[in-house]
């Protein structure tokens, strides 16, 4: 089992521009996750595509693995968080976004790490989204009791795509 972070794009309802979402899915390969990604998409299925994805392996000095064994939070107080920050630049007619993965013992700690690392050149940086990655698995995965385990290991991967482009999946 591999954990993938996927950046999806498509259209939704009466939107005038393409919309995006980040999803966390589990599979042996990225292709194995397509049915789940299609099912979870909130917009129009036609034209749904992957803009990029990465396998999540090693974040902030922790090896990331999946297991059916439950987590002992007394022994592993750290959790894997996803944080999406928003901000602005006076010359840009848009809200800028940058997101990352952070290992932290609380959501407040994850937010502070994100603010220290992301959107450094923006004005009015703010948290748009923050959640534990474990909490965003769909019910079907929770029924199988898949848990994210973090094992200390020096280093970490850079948050960059393993693949990017335009891959239509629906």
Protein backbone atom coordinates (compact mmCIF):
# COMPACT_ATOMS: atom_id res chain seq x y z
CA UNK A 1 0.00 0.00 0.00
CA UNK A 2 1.23 3.44 -0.94
CA UNK A 3 -0.05 6.84 0.14
CA UNK A 4 -0.46 9.33 -2.71
CA UNK A 5 -1.17 13.06 -2.55
CA UNK A 6 -3.01 13.98 -5.77
CA UNK A 7 -3.77 17.42 -7.25
CA UNK A 8 -7.00 17.11 -9.26
CA UNK A 9 -8.46 19.62 -11.71
CA UNK A 10 -11.79 19.93 -13.44
CA UNK A 11 -14.97 21.94 -13.68
CA UNK A 12 -17.76 22.28 -11.15
CA UNK A 13 -21.28 23.47 -11.70
CA UNK A 14 -21.39 27.02 -12.97
CA UNK A 15 -17.72 27.82 -12.33
CA UNK A 16 -16.08 29.99 -14.98
CA UNK A 17 -12.59 28.72 -14.29
CA UNK A 18 -11.05 25.34 -13.61
CA UNK A 19 -11.19 24.29 -9.98
CA UNK A 20 -8.75 22.10 -8.07
CA UNK A 21 -8.63 19.87 -5.04
CA UNK A 22 -6.01 17.83 -3.21
CA UNK A 23 -6.91 14.25 -2.32
CA UNK A 24 -5.07 11.57 -0.35
CA UNK A 25 -5.56 8.05 -1.67
CA UNK A 26 -4.08 4.61 -1.06
CA UNK A 27 -3.17 2.06 -3.72
CA UNK A 28 -0.42 -0.13 -5.11
CA UNK A 29 -0.11 2.28 -8.06
CA UNK A 30 -1.55 5.69 -8.86
CA UNK A 31 -3.74 4.03 -11.50
CA UNK A 32 -5.32 1.86 -8.78
CA UNK A 33 -6.64 5.04 -7.15
CA UNK A 34 -8.53 6.41 -10.19
CA UNK A 35 -11.96 4.96 -9.22
CA UNK A 36 -11.67 6.47 -5.74
CA UNK A 37 -10.53 9.84 -7.13
CA UNK A 38 -13.47 9.90 -9.56
CA UNK A 39 -15.90 8.96 -6.78
CA UNK A 40 -14.58 11.68 -4.44
CA UNK A 41 -14.63 14.49 -7.03
CA UNK A 42 -17.29 17.09 -6.18
CA UNK A 43 -17.60 18.60 -9.66
CA UNK A 44 -18.37 17.43 -13.17
CA UNK A 45 -16.80 14.07 -13.90
CA UNK A 46 -16.23 14.82 -17.58
CA UNK A 47 -12.73 16.20 -18.00
CA UNK A 48 -11.58 15.35 -14.47
CA UNK A 49 -7.81 15.16 -14.60
CA UNK A 50 -4.70 14.76 -12.51
CA UNK A 51 -2.35 17.74 -12.71
CA UNK A 52 0.27 16.12 -10.50
CA UNK A 53 0.81 13.59 -7.74
CA UNK A 54 3.46 12.36 -5.36
CA UNK A 55 3.90 9.30 -3.23
CA UNK A 56 4.22 10.36 0.41
CA UNK A 57 7.20 8.53 1.92
CA UNK A 58 9.32 10.70 4.20
CA UNK A 59 8.23 14.01 5.76
CA UNK A 60 10.00 16.24 8.30
CA UNK A 61 12.36 13.56 9.62
CA UNK A 62 9.77 10.77 9.68
CA UNK A 63 9.30 7.75 7.46
CA UNK A 64 5.62 7.57 6.47
CA UNK A 65 4.07 4.10 6.23
CA UNK A 66 0.59 2.62 6.18
CA UNK A 67 -0.55 -0.22 8.39
CA UNK A 68 -3.71 -1.90 9.60
CA UNK A 69 -2.24 -1.80 13.12
CA UNK A 70 -3.72 0.99 15.25
CA UNK A 71 -1.54 3.87 16.40
CA UNK A 72 -0.56 4.24 20.04
CA UNK A 73 -0.77 8.03 20.41
CA UNK A 74 1.13 7.85 23.72
CA UNK A 75 4.12 6.43 21.83
CA UNK A 76 3.49 8.42 18.63
CA UNK A 77 2.10 11.88 19.49
CA UNK A 78 3.20 13.23 16.10
CA UNK A 79 0.68 13.30 13.27
CA UNK A 80 0.90 14.07 9.57
CA UNK A 81 -0.85 17.34 8.70
CA UNK A 82 -1.80 18.94 5.39
CA UNK A 83 -1.78 22.75 5.47
CA UNK A 84 -2.95 25.00 2.62
CA UNK A 85 -2.07 28.69 3.00
CA UNK A 86 -3.54 31.56 1.03
CA UNK A 87 -2.05 34.98 0.41
CA UNK A 88 -1.92 37.90 -1.99
CA UNK A 89 0.45 39.94 -4.12
CA UNK A 90 -0.61 43.45 -5.18
CA UNK A 91 0.23 42.85 -8.86
CA UNK A 92 -1.66 39.53 -9.10
CA UNK A 93 -5.42 39.33 -9.63
CA UNK A 94 -5.82 36.11 -7.69
CA UNK A 95 -5.45 34.54 -4.30
CA UNK A 96 -2.18 32.63 -4.22
CA UNK A 97 -2.01 29.22 -2.56
CA UNK A 98 0.79 27.00 -1.39
CA UNK A 99 0.41 23.82 0.60
CA UNK A 100 2.62 21.31 2.32
CA UNK A 101 2.82 18.32 4.61
CA UNK A 102 4.06 18.74 8.15
CA UNK A 103 4.71 16.39 11.05
CA UNK A 104 3.53 18.03 14.27
CA UNK A 105 2.03 17.23 17.66
CA UNK A 106 -0.85 19.70 17.19
CA UNK A 107 -2.71 21.54 14.46
CA UNK A 108 -1.42 24.86 15.83
CA UNK A 109 2.18 23.62 15.55
CA UNK A 110 1.52 22.47 11.97
CA UNK A 111 0.04 25.89 11.11
CA UNK A 112 3.05 27.72 12.55
CA UNK A 113 5.44 25.48 10.60
CA UNK A 114 3.49 26.20 7.41
CA UNK A 115 3.50 29.97 7.99
CA UNK A 116 7.27 29.86 8.51
CA UNK A 117 7.88 27.94 5.26
CA UNK A 118 5.14 28.74 2.73
CA UNK A 119 4.13 31.86 0.75
CA UNK A 120 6.99 33.93 2.12
CA UNK A 121 6.56 36.63 -0.57
CA UNK A 122 2.82 37.11 -0.07
CA UNK A 123 0.75 39.66 1.81
CA UNK A 124 -1.86 38.73 4.38
CA UNK A 125 -0.89 35.04 4.57
CA UNK A 126 -3.64 32.96 6.14
CA UNK A 127 -4.64 29.35 6.68
CA UNK A 128 -7.27 28.20 4.20
CA UNK A 129 -7.20 24.48 5.10
CA UNK A 130 -5.55 22.34 7.76
CA UNK A 131 -6.27 18.73 8.64
CA UNK A 132 -4.71 15.47 9.77
CA UNK A 133 -4.12 13.36 6.68
CA UNK A 134 -5.44 10.30 8.57
CA UNK A 135 -8.83 12.03 8.87
CA UNK A 136 -9.33 12.51 5.14
CA UNK A 137 -9.43 8.85 4.13
CA UNK A 138 -12.88 7.80 2.90
CA UNK A 139 -15.05 5.57 5.07
CA UNK A 140 -14.19 2.48 3.01
CA UNK A 141 -10.53 2.83 3.96
CA UNK A 142 -11.40 3.50 7.60
CA UNK A 143 -13.41 0.27 7.62
CA UNK A 144 -10.18 -1.50 6.69
CA UNK A 145 -8.45 0.36 9.55
CA UNK A 146 -5.62 1.86 7.51
CA UNK A 147 -3.46 4.11 9.69
CA UNK A 148 -0.53 6.39 8.98
CA UNK A 149 2.53 5.44 11.02
CA UNK A 150 5.47 7.79 11.48
CA UNK A 151 8.92 6.42 12.28
CA UNK A 152 11.80 8.80 13.06
CA UNK A 153 14.31 8.86 10.22
CA UNK A 154 16.58 11.82 9.46
CA UNK A 155 15.83 13.87 6.35
CA UNK A 156 12.69 14.04 4.30
CA UNK A 157 11.37 14.36 0.80
CA UNK A 158 10.79 17.65 -0.95
CA UNK A 159 7.12 18.32 -1.71
CA UNK A 160 7.33 18.09 -5.48
CA UNK A 161 5.51 16.00 -8.04
CA UNK A 162 6.58 12.49 -8.96
CA UNK A 163 4.63 13.24 -12.15
CA UNK A 164 2.95 16.36 -13.56
CA UNK A 165 0.99 17.13 -16.69
CA UNK A 166 -2.58 16.66 -17.82
CA UNK A 167 -3.91 13.13 -17.31
CA UNK A 168 -7.66 12.86 -17.94
CA UNK A 169 -9.16 10.11 -15.76
CA UNK A 170 -12.90 10.64 -16.41
